Structures are given as C-alpha cells and as structure tokens.
Protein backbone atom coordinates (compact mmCIF):
# COMPACT_ATOMS: atom_id res chain seq x y z
CA MET A 1 25.04 98.13 -140.30
CA LYS A 2 22.74 101.28 -141.59
CA LEU A 3 20.10 100.11 -143.93
CA ASN A 4 19.65 102.86 -147.16
CA GLN A 5 15.66 103.88 -148.00
CA ARG A 6 14.94 100.63 -150.15
CA GLU A 7 16.82 98.29 -148.02
CA ARG A 8 14.31 99.47 -145.18
CA MET A 9 11.29 99.11 -147.81
CA LEU A 10 11.96 95.87 -148.20
CA ALA A 11 12.33 95.01 -144.36
CA CYS A 12 9.08 96.31 -143.57
CA LEU A 13 7.17 94.34 -146.69
CA VAL A 14 8.89 91.53 -145.49
CA ALA A 15 8.04 91.52 -141.42
CA LEU A 16 4.50 92.16 -142.12
CA LEU A 17 4.16 88.90 -144.79
CA ALA A 18 5.59 87.53 -141.96
CA LEU A 19 2.81 88.36 -139.74
CA ALA A 20 0.37 87.46 -141.92
CA ALA A 21 1.49 83.94 -142.17
CA CYS A 22 1.18 83.71 -138.50
CA ALA A 23 -2.24 85.50 -138.06
CA LEU A 24 -4.02 83.70 -141.46
CA PRO A 25 -7.02 81.65 -140.42
CA PHE A 26 -5.74 78.25 -140.83
CA LEU A 27 -6.42 77.51 -145.17
CA PRO A 28 -7.22 73.66 -145.61
CA GLN A 29 -5.60 72.00 -149.66
CA ASP A 30 -8.36 71.66 -151.41
CA GLU A 31 -9.85 68.24 -151.61
CA GLY A 32 -9.89 68.33 -155.35
CA PHE A 33 -7.00 69.77 -156.33
CA HIS A 34 -5.68 66.27 -157.42
CA GLN A 35 -7.98 65.59 -160.01
CA PHE A 36 -6.94 67.03 -163.36
CA VAL A 37 -9.20 66.65 -166.55
CA ASP A 38 -6.46 64.97 -169.18
CA GLU A 39 -5.74 61.45 -166.99
CA ARG A 40 -4.92 60.37 -170.65
CA ALA A 41 -1.76 58.15 -171.15
CA TRP A 42 1.61 58.73 -174.26
CA LEU A 43 3.93 55.55 -174.57
CA GLU A 44 2.93 53.56 -170.88
CA ILE A 45 3.05 57.34 -169.63
CA PRO A 46 0.73 58.84 -167.03
CA ASN A 47 -1.79 61.52 -167.45
CA ALA A 48 1.42 62.38 -170.11
CA GLN A 49 0.26 66.47 -170.98
CA ASN A 50 0.75 67.35 -167.91
CA VAL A 51 4.12 65.39 -167.23
CA LEU A 52 5.79 66.03 -170.45
CA SER A 53 4.39 69.67 -170.11
CA ASN A 54 7.68 70.62 -167.38
CA LEU A 55 10.18 69.63 -170.20
CA PRO A 56 11.01 73.56 -170.82
CA PHE A 57 11.63 74.26 -166.88
CA VAL A 58 13.97 71.84 -167.21
CA LEU A 59 15.66 73.03 -170.68
CA PHE A 60 15.50 76.73 -169.51
CA GLY A 61 16.38 76.26 -166.24
CA ALA A 62 19.54 74.41 -168.20
CA ALA A 63 20.13 76.45 -170.51
CA GLY A 64 20.08 79.60 -168.60
CA LEU A 65 23.34 77.50 -166.15
CA GLY A 66 24.85 76.53 -169.04
CA LEU A 67 24.64 80.93 -169.86
CA LEU A 68 25.93 81.54 -166.74
CA ALA A 69 28.37 78.83 -166.89
CA LEU A 70 29.98 80.33 -169.26
CA ARG A 71 29.81 84.45 -168.68
CA ARG A 72 27.35 85.08 -171.36
CA LEU A 73 24.49 87.13 -169.15
CA ARG A 74 25.10 90.64 -167.51
CA VAL A 75 25.03 90.27 -163.82
CA LYS A 76 25.99 93.45 -161.11
CA GLY A 77 27.16 91.39 -159.14
CA PRO A 78 27.79 88.36 -156.61
CA ALA A 79 24.60 88.40 -155.07
CA PHE A 80 21.93 88.71 -157.98
CA ALA A 81 25.23 85.78 -160.07
CA ALA A 82 24.46 83.64 -157.12
CA MET A 83 20.30 84.42 -156.84
CA LEU A 84 20.38 84.63 -161.19
CA GLY A 85 21.63 80.30 -159.91
CA LEU A 86 19.69 79.30 -157.83
CA PHE A 87 16.57 80.75 -159.81
CA PHE A 88 17.87 77.96 -162.79
CA ALA A 89 18.10 75.52 -161.08
CA GLY A 90 15.25 76.52 -159.07
CA MET A 91 13.63 76.28 -162.60
CA ILE A 92 14.89 72.37 -163.26
CA VAL A 93 14.25 70.70 -159.60
CA THR A 94 10.33 72.64 -160.08
CA GLY A 95 10.24 70.56 -163.41
CA ALA A 96 11.53 67.37 -162.66
CA CYS A 97 8.98 67.37 -159.14
CA SER A 98 6.22 68.08 -160.87
CA ALA A 99 7.10 65.70 -164.10
CA TRP A 100 6.84 62.97 -160.43
CA TYR A 101 4.06 64.22 -159.08
CA HIS A 102 1.81 64.42 -162.69
CA ALA A 103 2.96 61.09 -163.02
CA ALA A 104 0.28 59.78 -159.44
CA PRO A 105 -1.23 62.80 -157.93
CA ALA A 106 -0.81 62.15 -153.87
CA SER A 107 -0.32 64.42 -151.34
CA GLY A 108 2.81 62.59 -150.74
CA ASN A 109 3.50 63.30 -154.19
CA LEU A 110 2.20 66.99 -154.02
CA VAL A 111 5.22 67.81 -150.70
CA LEU A 112 8.05 67.22 -153.73
CA ASP A 113 5.96 69.47 -155.87
CA ARG A 114 6.17 72.43 -153.63
CA MET A 115 9.14 71.67 -152.91
CA GLY A 116 11.15 72.57 -155.76
CA MET A 117 9.13 75.16 -156.87
CA VAL A 118 9.68 77.21 -153.13
CA LEU A 119 13.59 76.60 -154.43
CA ALA A 120 12.60 78.85 -157.44
CA PHE A 121 10.63 81.26 -155.13
CA ALA A 122 14.01 82.13 -153.26
CA GLY A 123 15.89 82.28 -156.20
CA THR A 124 13.34 84.49 -157.96
CA PHE A 125 12.67 86.76 -154.81
CA GLY A 126 16.62 87.12 -154.25
CA LEU A 127 17.39 87.95 -157.95
CA LEU A 128 14.63 90.25 -157.51
CA ALA A 129 15.93 92.53 -154.78
CA ALA A 130 18.90 91.67 -155.56
CA ASP A 131 17.84 94.01 -158.83
CA LYS A 132 16.15 96.37 -157.08
CA VAL A 133 17.30 96.95 -153.79
CA SER A 134 20.80 96.33 -153.29
CA GLN A 135 23.91 93.32 -152.88
CA ARG A 136 22.82 92.51 -149.42
CA ALA A 137 19.55 92.89 -149.59
CA GLY A 138 19.49 90.06 -152.74
CA TRP A 139 21.87 87.61 -149.98
CA ALA A 140 19.51 88.55 -147.06
CA LEU A 141 15.84 87.61 -148.81
CA GLY A 142 17.27 84.93 -150.85
CA ALA A 143 17.95 83.17 -148.31
CA LEU A 144 15.57 83.92 -145.38
CA ALA A 145 12.56 82.86 -148.53
CA LEU A 146 15.58 79.40 -148.67
CA PHE A 147 14.79 78.63 -145.59
CA ALA A 148 11.24 79.35 -145.08
CA GLY A 149 9.46 78.32 -148.51
CA PRO A 150 10.84 74.99 -147.47
CA VAL A 151 9.48 75.46 -143.44
CA SER A 152 6.15 76.53 -145.32
CA VAL A 153 5.70 73.23 -147.51
CA LEU A 154 6.93 71.16 -143.93
CA TRP A 155 4.31 73.09 -142.68
CA TRP A 156 1.86 72.00 -144.59
CA GLN A 157 2.60 68.61 -144.54
CA ALA A 158 2.33 68.00 -140.36
CA THR A 159 -0.77 70.47 -140.01
CA GLY A 160 -2.50 70.51 -142.90
CA ASN A 161 -2.77 74.30 -142.81
CA LEU A 162 -1.39 75.91 -146.25
CA ALA A 163 -2.08 79.35 -145.11
CA PRO A 164 2.10 79.88 -145.06
CA TYR A 165 3.03 78.78 -147.48
CA ALA A 166 0.71 81.13 -149.77
CA VAL A 167 2.24 83.81 -147.70
CA VAL A 168 5.35 82.02 -149.26
CA GLN A 169 4.42 82.49 -153.31
CA PHE A 170 2.10 85.14 -153.47
CA GLY A 171 3.45 87.30 -150.84
CA GLY A 172 6.30 87.45 -153.22
CA MET A 173 4.80 88.07 -155.48
CA LEU A 174 3.02 91.38 -153.87
CA LEU A 175 7.34 92.46 -153.33
CA LEU A 176 7.92 91.77 -157.06
CA LEU A 177 4.44 94.08 -158.59
CA LEU A 178 5.36 96.65 -155.74
CA ALA A 179 9.45 96.90 -156.90
CA THR A 180 8.15 96.76 -160.79
CA LEU A 181 5.80 99.35 -160.03
CA PHE A 182 7.95 101.88 -158.01
CA TRP A 183 11.83 101.01 -158.42
CA ARG A 184 12.02 101.72 -162.98
CA GLU A 185 15.61 101.14 -163.44
CA PRO A 186 16.61 100.75 -166.70
CA GLY A 187 18.17 96.57 -167.42
CA GLY A 188 17.63 93.30 -166.28
CA PRO A 189 15.03 90.95 -165.94
CA ARG A 190 12.07 91.67 -167.44
CA TRP A 191 9.81 91.76 -164.44
CA GLY A 192 6.58 92.90 -165.88
CA TRP A 193 6.74 89.61 -168.12
CA VAL A 194 7.57 87.44 -164.83
CA LEU A 195 4.14 88.24 -162.77
CA ALA A 196 2.02 88.69 -166.61
CA LEU A 197 3.60 85.31 -167.21
CA TYR A 198 2.43 84.18 -163.32
CA ALA A 199 -1.03 85.86 -163.16
CA ALA A 200 -1.59 83.67 -166.76
CA ALA A 201 -0.56 80.63 -166.05
CA LYS A 202 -2.47 80.79 -162.43
CA LEU A 203 -5.80 81.48 -164.46
CA CYS A 204 -4.73 78.40 -166.49
CA GLU A 205 -4.36 76.21 -163.10
CA VAL A 206 -7.88 77.66 -161.95
CA TYR A 207 -9.54 77.08 -166.45
CA ASP A 208 -8.68 73.81 -166.47
CA TYR A 209 -11.33 71.84 -167.94
CA GLU A 210 -13.13 75.19 -168.96
CA ILE A 211 -9.38 75.34 -171.69
CA TYR A 212 -9.73 71.43 -172.23
CA ALA A 213 -13.13 72.28 -173.68
CA TRP A 214 -12.43 75.14 -175.17
CA THR A 215 -9.49 73.51 -177.36
CA MET A 216 -11.51 70.69 -177.75
CA HIS A 217 -9.24 67.97 -175.39
CA VAL A 218 -5.57 69.73 -177.60
CA ILE A 219 -4.48 70.90 -174.38
CA SER A 220 -6.06 71.43 -170.46
CA GLY A 221 -5.16 74.48 -168.62
CA HIS A 222 -2.71 73.06 -166.43
CA ALA A 223 -0.54 71.72 -169.02
CA LEU A 224 -0.94 74.76 -170.56
CA LYS A 225 0.05 76.95 -167.28
CA HIS A 226 3.32 75.07 -167.31
CA LEU A 227 4.09 75.98 -170.46
CA ILE A 228 3.28 79.06 -169.76
CA ALA A 229 5.70 80.03 -165.93
CA ALA A 230 8.23 78.22 -167.93
CA GLY A 231 8.13 81.18 -169.99
CA THR A 232 9.78 83.56 -166.70
CA ALA A 233 13.41 81.88 -167.34
CA LEU A 234 13.01 83.99 -170.89
CA ALA A 235 11.58 87.03 -169.01
CA VAL A 236 14.50 86.68 -166.49
CA MET A 237 17.67 85.45 -168.59
CA GLY A 238 16.73 87.26 -172.51
CA PRO A 239 17.36 90.89 -171.50
CA LEU A 240 20.71 89.08 -170.26
CA CYS A 241 21.93 87.76 -172.78
CA MET A 242 25.15 88.86 -174.28
CA ARG A 243 25.43 89.03 -178.18
CA GLY A 244 29.70 88.87 -178.46
CA ARG A 245 32.20 87.60 -176.00
CA THR A 246 34.40 91.37 -175.79
CA ARG A 247 37.59 92.15 -173.82
CA ALA A 248 35.35 94.13 -171.80
CA SER A 249 32.25 92.14 -170.86
CA GLY A 250 34.81 89.95 -170.01
CA LYS A 251 35.76 92.51 -167.18
CA ARG A 252 32.78 93.66 -166.19
CA TRP A 253 32.53 89.93 -165.44
CA ARG A 254 34.77 89.75 -162.98
CA ALA A 255 34.96 92.72 -161.82
CA ALA A 256 31.18 91.52 -161.08
CA VAL A 257 32.04 88.52 -159.37
C-alpha cells in the first residue's frame, strides 16, 4: 500500500509522539488536582456548578448525532462520517463522565472522566485526518487514538505515570495545530476555532481560583472551562450544517457513504 505525502507526514508525526510517550520521564498526578474552588451545592447537587456545566457537552453531542442521522451535515466520506459520529458520541460520554466525577472528585472517578475525554479525542483526531489527509488516514488515526487513549488512562491508573495520557491529549492537539497551519483546504470544521477554544478552556482550568474571584463568585474557572470546551462541538458542527435538504444534497450524502 503506497502512502501519499500527507499520509507519510502524519505517520512520522504519530511515530514521534509514540516515542515521546515511551521516553518522557515519570509525570505524577498533581496531588491538589481534586481541589476545586467552587464547592457550592444546589438542589442537593454537590459541587453543582462543576457538575451542571457539563450539560452543554451532552446537548451539543446529541444535537450533532441527530443532525448526522437526519443527513443534515455535509460529510466527505465514510471515515469522515464515522469519526464525526464518534466525536459527537464522545462529547455526550465526556459530559456524563465529567458530571459523575465532579459530583464526588476522587482518583477512581477521575479514571472514568478521562475515559470519556479520550473517546472525544479519538473522534477529533480521526475526523481531522479524514478531513485533511485521507479517508484511510481517518480510519487509521481514529482507531489508533481509540486504542491508545484508554490504554494511557489505564497506564496512569496502574503506575501513577501521567506522561502517556499527556502525549495523547497534547500531542493530538499539536497535530491539530500543524494541520491547521500547513493544510488549509476550504470547507470542513473550523479547526482553528477548535484549537483556540481548547487552549482557552485549559487556561480557565489553570486559573480556577482567580476567575472565581474576578467574577465575584459568579462562576469558577473550571466551570467556565466546561462551557468553553463544549463549544468545540459548534466549531465542528456549524460549518457542516446544510440549510435545506435538497435532492442534490441527498445524492452527495449517498455518494459519500
């Protein structure tokens, strides 16, 4: 099987990330990770703001799956459609698992939280490859991320080493950055917005306490992180939406799948 230029470049980048996951030094979990500034309850929901701010993940993920099922989203082929579905399903699972974790923050529940996140990551990276590289690259990278993500979480649970999980998360975002900078075809998801929203969400996570103080206890940084990160679904879904279901658009869907 002969690889095209972009497939070779993607394969080299993935190989480098795999080497990094093996070569990086031991990275422990921050002992204060479970300490969030806003612990207020509401209607008997503990840590209510951090729990309920996950709702947009579920709503946007469900909306995306609904539009995909109704053939109201433009797709570029079977791998693109499959990875798009995986991405939206991952958003739903991420929202549910994150809400469960934040109701009772602890290492055991954090495993479940991260399992949901890696499902969304797998859909994101597979969708990126299907959009920017090729259909077979989409299948390959999506499958690899779907395997490597859970393995990295289980490795952290077993050894305490967070490095492989960090490579899956941040290495994938590096791939997204490089693809956005160097492969600029029109159409498709707004990858620049996906990357910008992800970066903004991580900043809000870091400044959890400060944002809580700046907003006079209206919202915490971590809750704001959830709301911003959920917006990545709109950056993916919005540009793909079809305004009307014409006969031609139906033909394009059938041709794609």
